Amino acid sequence: MIAFKYSDEVLKRFRNPKNAGTIDKPSGTGTVGNRTCGDIMELFIRVVDNIIVDAKFKTLGCAAAISFSDVLCDVVKGKTVDDALKITKDDLVEILGGVPAPKLHCSLLAVDALHKAVEDYLKRK
């Protein structure tokens, strides 16, 4: 088993994610997965007047996957849909204080889940 050194912020969010859960009747839902590592992320957003007012997640995965899901929810809240789509994996990595290179794919999963949730929202609109 390989042990990774995570930042304090990653460990904090992994141990106590504040955005874990679901949203009843979400405006959009995005689900993504990675066959190689087995991580699965589901992101729920509530949009009011083109502003993401709430975001929650359900993630089955490692500490990095859960932490990226949690931080993404914080970052998108209060943003317009267009501004949320400008969030990059590098933005999330920076907020978390970095992650080991083999775990960087988790940041991309989070961003992909956001894009799918927004796409779902736009289809429903």
Protein backbone atom coordinates (compact mmCIF):
# COMPACT_ATOMS: atom_id res chain seq x y z
CA MET A 1 0.00 0.00 0.00
CA ILE A 2 1.28 3.45 -0.93
CA ALA A 3 1.02 6.19 1.69
CA PHE A 4 0.61 9.76 0.50
CA LYS A 5 1.51 12.96 2.33
CA TYR A 6 -1.50 15.29 2.25
CA SER A 7 -1.70 18.95 3.25
CA ASP A 8 -3.50 19.92 6.45
CA GLU A 9 -6.33 21.40 4.35
CA VAL A 10 -6.86 18.11 2.46
CA LEU A 11 -6.94 16.16 5.71
CA LYS A 12 -9.32 18.67 7.34
CA ARG A 13 -11.79 18.46 4.47
CA PHE A 14 -11.48 14.68 4.21
CA ARG A 15 -12.13 14.17 7.91
CA ASN A 16 -14.96 16.69 8.17
CA PRO A 17 -16.45 17.60 4.79
CA LYS A 18 -19.06 20.30 5.28
CA ASN A 19 -20.72 19.94 1.88
CA ALA A 20 -21.33 16.19 1.86
CA GLY A 21 -24.90 15.19 1.11
CA THR A 22 -27.55 15.79 -1.48
CA ILE A 23 -29.88 18.60 -2.48
CA ASP A 24 -33.59 17.87 -2.65
CA LYS A 25 -34.75 18.64 -6.20
CA PRO A 26 -31.41 20.00 -7.46
CA SER A 27 -31.23 22.36 -10.43
CA GLY A 28 -28.48 20.16 -11.88
CA THR A 29 -26.60 16.96 -11.13
CA GLY A 30 -23.27 15.80 -12.49
CA THR A 31 -21.81 12.33 -12.04
CA VAL A 32 -18.30 11.32 -13.09
CA GLY A 33 -15.98 8.43 -12.39
CA ASN A 34 -12.50 7.14 -13.01
CA ARG A 35 -12.21 3.49 -13.97
CA THR A 36 -8.55 3.33 -13.06
CA CYS A 37 -8.85 4.39 -9.42
CA GLY A 38 -12.55 3.69 -8.88
CA ASP A 39 -13.48 7.18 -7.65
CA ILE A 40 -17.08 8.25 -8.27
CA MET A 41 -18.26 11.84 -7.70
CA GLU A 42 -21.81 13.11 -7.79
CA LEU A 43 -22.33 16.87 -7.57
CA PHE A 44 -25.67 18.57 -6.90
CA ILE A 45 -26.24 22.28 -7.52
CA ARG A 46 -29.12 24.64 -6.83
CA VAL A 47 -29.27 27.65 -9.14
CA VAL A 48 -31.42 30.73 -8.56
CA ASP A 49 -31.35 33.62 -11.04
CA ASN A 50 -28.21 32.15 -12.69
CA ILE A 51 -26.35 32.07 -9.33
CA ILE A 52 -25.27 28.78 -7.74
CA VAL A 53 -26.72 29.21 -4.27
CA ASP A 54 -25.94 25.72 -2.95
CA ALA A 55 -23.75 22.76 -3.85
CA LYS A 56 -23.44 19.33 -2.23
CA PHE A 57 -21.63 16.14 -3.15
CA LYS A 58 -21.55 12.40 -2.69
CA THR A 59 -18.14 10.93 -3.42
CA LEU A 60 -16.89 7.40 -3.16
CA GLY A 61 -13.13 7.70 -3.24
CA CYS A 62 -9.89 8.59 -1.57
CA ALA A 63 -9.03 11.53 0.70
CA ALA A 64 -8.13 13.70 -2.30
CA ALA A 65 -11.38 12.94 -4.15
CA ILE A 66 -13.49 13.82 -1.12
CA SER A 67 -11.46 16.96 -0.40
CA PHE A 68 -11.69 18.21 -3.98
CA SER A 69 -15.44 17.61 -3.97
CA ASP A 70 -15.83 19.56 -0.74
CA VAL A 71 -13.68 22.53 -1.75
CA LEU A 72 -15.39 22.74 -5.16
CA CYS A 73 -18.75 23.16 -3.43
CA ASP A 74 -17.40 26.07 -1.38
CA VAL A 75 -15.84 27.73 -4.41
CA VAL A 76 -18.94 27.62 -6.63
CA LYS A 77 -21.42 28.93 -4.09
CA GLY A 78 -22.36 32.51 -4.91
CA LYS A 79 -20.90 32.40 -8.42
CA THR A 80 -22.82 32.80 -11.64
CA VAL A 81 -23.01 29.68 -13.74
CA ASP A 82 -20.59 31.22 -16.25
CA ASP A 83 -18.06 32.16 -13.55
CA ALA A 84 -18.30 28.70 -11.98
CA LEU A 85 -17.36 27.15 -15.33
CA LYS A 86 -14.11 29.16 -15.26
CA ILE A 87 -12.89 27.29 -12.15
CA THR A 88 -9.90 25.11 -13.00
CA LYS A 89 -8.33 22.08 -11.42
CA ASP A 90 -5.32 24.27 -10.64
CA ASP A 91 -7.53 26.65 -8.64
CA LEU A 92 -8.69 23.75 -6.49
CA VAL A 93 -5.19 22.32 -6.05
CA GLU A 94 -3.96 25.72 -4.87
CA ILE A 95 -6.76 26.09 -2.30
CA LEU A 96 -5.99 22.64 -0.90
CA GLY A 97 -2.29 23.42 -0.63
CA GLY A 98 -1.30 20.85 -3.24
CA VAL A 99 -1.75 17.12 -3.51
CA PRO A 100 0.62 14.29 -4.43
CA ALA A 101 1.04 13.98 -8.22
CA PRO A 102 -0.77 10.62 -8.45
CA LYS A 103 -3.85 12.29 -6.94
CA LEU A 104 -4.07 15.28 -9.31
CA HIS A 105 -6.65 13.44 -11.43
CA CYS A 106 -9.14 13.94 -8.59
CA SER A 107 -9.10 17.68 -9.21
CA LEU A 108 -10.08 17.10 -12.82
CA LEU A 109 -12.89 14.78 -11.72
CA ALA A 110 -14.31 17.55 -9.54
CA VAL A 111 -14.21 20.08 -12.36
CA ASP A 112 -15.77 17.54 -14.74
CA ALA A 113 -18.58 16.90 -12.24
CA LEU A 114 -19.26 20.64 -12.11
CA HIS A 115 -19.42 20.88 -15.89
CA LYS A 116 -21.86 17.96 -16.03
CA ALA A 117 -24.03 19.50 -13.30
CA VAL A 118 -24.18 22.81 -15.17
CA GLU A 119 -24.92 20.99 -18.42
CA ASP A 120 -27.78 19.18 -16.67
CA TYR A 121 -29.06 22.48 -15.26
CA LEU A 122 -29.04 24.11 -18.70
CA LYS A 123 -30.94 21.16 -20.21
CA ARG A 124 -33.62 21.41 -17.52
CA LYS A 125 -33.93 25.19 -17.79
